[in-house]
Amino acid sequence: MKYKFEAWADDDGVSLVASDNVKWQQENNLLGKHAKFLHSIEADTHEEAMAVHHIKMGWEPYKPMGEAKSCPKGCGAYFYPEGSGECPKCGKIC
């Protein structure tokens, strides 16, 4: 399942957030009032979105937290339990 993420820049730097969470972050002052939209990304997991985000920003390659492990549900995909914990095939936190 694809999720949509958005990159925003403000005085504190650049943030990549789930699109459905942007309004809440703005209302709670986690994104500055003058934050500028940079780009959106559709990805299966936060790790995939961060990898694409790093490419778009011209940054070094993204390194996910922890080691990749095989999905415990047996779908054959790898995920990062110490990162988002999202399986790119199952579409849920494993």
Protein backbone atom coordinates (compact mmCIF):
# COMPACT_ATOMS: atom_id res chain seq x y z
CA MET A 1 0.00 0.00 0.00
CA LYS A 2 1.41 3.37 -0.96
CA TYR A 3 1.50 6.25 1.50
CA LYS A 4 1.96 9.90 0.58
CA PHE A 5 4.65 11.99 2.26
CA GLU A 6 5.43 15.70 1.93
CA ALA A 7 8.69 17.58 2.43
CA TRP A 8 8.49 21.04 4.03
CA ALA A 9 11.24 23.57 4.76
CA ASP A 10 11.07 26.12 7.57
CA ASP A 11 13.51 27.98 9.82
CA ASP A 12 14.27 24.73 11.69
CA GLY A 13 15.23 22.79 8.55
CA VAL A 14 13.50 20.25 6.32
CA SER A 15 10.84 17.81 7.52
CA LEU A 16 9.35 14.80 5.74
CA VAL A 17 5.90 14.04 7.12
CA ALA A 18 2.95 11.87 6.20
CA SER A 19 0.58 13.98 4.10
CA ASP A 20 -2.38 13.24 6.36
CA ASN A 21 -0.37 14.59 9.31
CA VAL A 22 0.69 17.96 7.81
CA LYS A 23 -2.33 19.96 9.00
CA TRP A 24 -1.98 18.63 12.57
CA GLN A 25 1.73 19.53 12.59
CA GLN A 26 0.92 23.05 11.37
CA GLU A 27 -1.84 23.49 13.97
CA ASN A 28 0.52 22.34 16.74
CA ASN A 29 3.41 24.56 15.58
CA LEU A 30 5.63 21.62 14.61
CA LEU A 31 5.90 23.13 11.13
CA GLY A 32 6.63 26.86 11.02
CA LYS A 33 3.89 29.26 9.89
CA HIS A 34 5.95 30.15 6.84
CA ALA A 35 6.96 26.58 5.97
CA LYS A 36 7.48 26.07 2.25
CA PHE A 37 6.27 22.94 0.46
CA LEU A 38 9.16 21.22 -1.38
CA HIS A 39 7.83 17.98 -2.87
CA SER A 40 5.64 14.93 -2.30
CA ILE A 41 6.56 11.26 -2.47
CA GLU A 42 4.46 8.10 -2.67
CA ALA A 43 6.13 5.13 -1.02
CA ASP A 44 5.35 1.80 0.66
CA THR A 45 7.28 2.67 3.84
CA HIS A 46 8.86 5.60 5.61
CA GLU A 47 12.30 4.18 4.79
CA GLU A 48 11.51 4.13 1.06
CA ALA A 49 10.19 7.71 1.26
CA MET A 50 13.35 8.86 3.05
CA ALA A 51 15.57 7.22 0.41
CA VAL A 52 13.73 9.06 -2.39
CA HIS A 53 13.68 12.29 -0.33
CA HIS A 54 17.47 12.16 0.08
CA ILE A 55 17.87 11.75 -3.69
CA LYS A 56 15.54 14.70 -4.40
CA MET A 57 17.42 16.87 -1.89
CA GLY A 58 20.85 15.92 -3.29
CA TRP A 59 21.89 14.50 0.08
CA GLU A 60 23.96 11.42 0.88
CA PRO A 61 22.15 8.06 0.60
CA TYR A 62 19.63 7.44 3.40
CA LYS A 63 20.63 4.78 5.94
CA PRO A 64 17.63 3.23 7.75
CA MET A 65 17.82 2.59 11.49
CA GLY A 66 18.96 -0.90 12.42
CA GLU A 67 19.29 -3.95 10.24
CA ALA A 68 16.77 -5.22 7.70
CA LYS A 69 14.93 -8.37 8.78
CA SER A 70 12.61 -10.76 6.99
CA CYS A 71 8.92 -10.05 7.59
CA PRO A 72 7.62 -12.28 10.41
CA LYS A 73 4.35 -12.79 8.50
CA GLY A 74 6.23 -14.79 5.83
CA CYS A 75 5.53 -12.53 2.85
CA GLY A 76 9.21 -12.63 1.84
CA ALA A 77 9.84 -8.87 2.11
CA TYR A 78 12.43 -7.18 4.29
CA PHE A 79 11.59 -4.42 6.75
CA TYR A 80 13.31 -2.33 9.43
CA PRO A 81 11.92 -3.24 12.87
CA GLU A 82 14.07 -0.60 14.58
CA GLY A 83 12.85 2.05 12.10
CA SER A 84 9.22 2.39 11.04
CA GLY A 85 8.52 -1.33 11.44
CA GLU A 86 6.45 -1.17 8.23
CA CYS A 87 6.53 -4.10 5.83
CA PRO A 88 6.52 -2.92 2.19
CA LYS A 89 4.35 -5.91 1.15
CA CYS A 90 1.98 -6.35 4.09
CA GLY A 91 1.47 -2.60 4.44
CA LYS A 92 1.36 -2.72 8.21
CA ILE A 93 3.62 -2.56 11.18
CA CYS A 94 5.03 -6.04 11.78
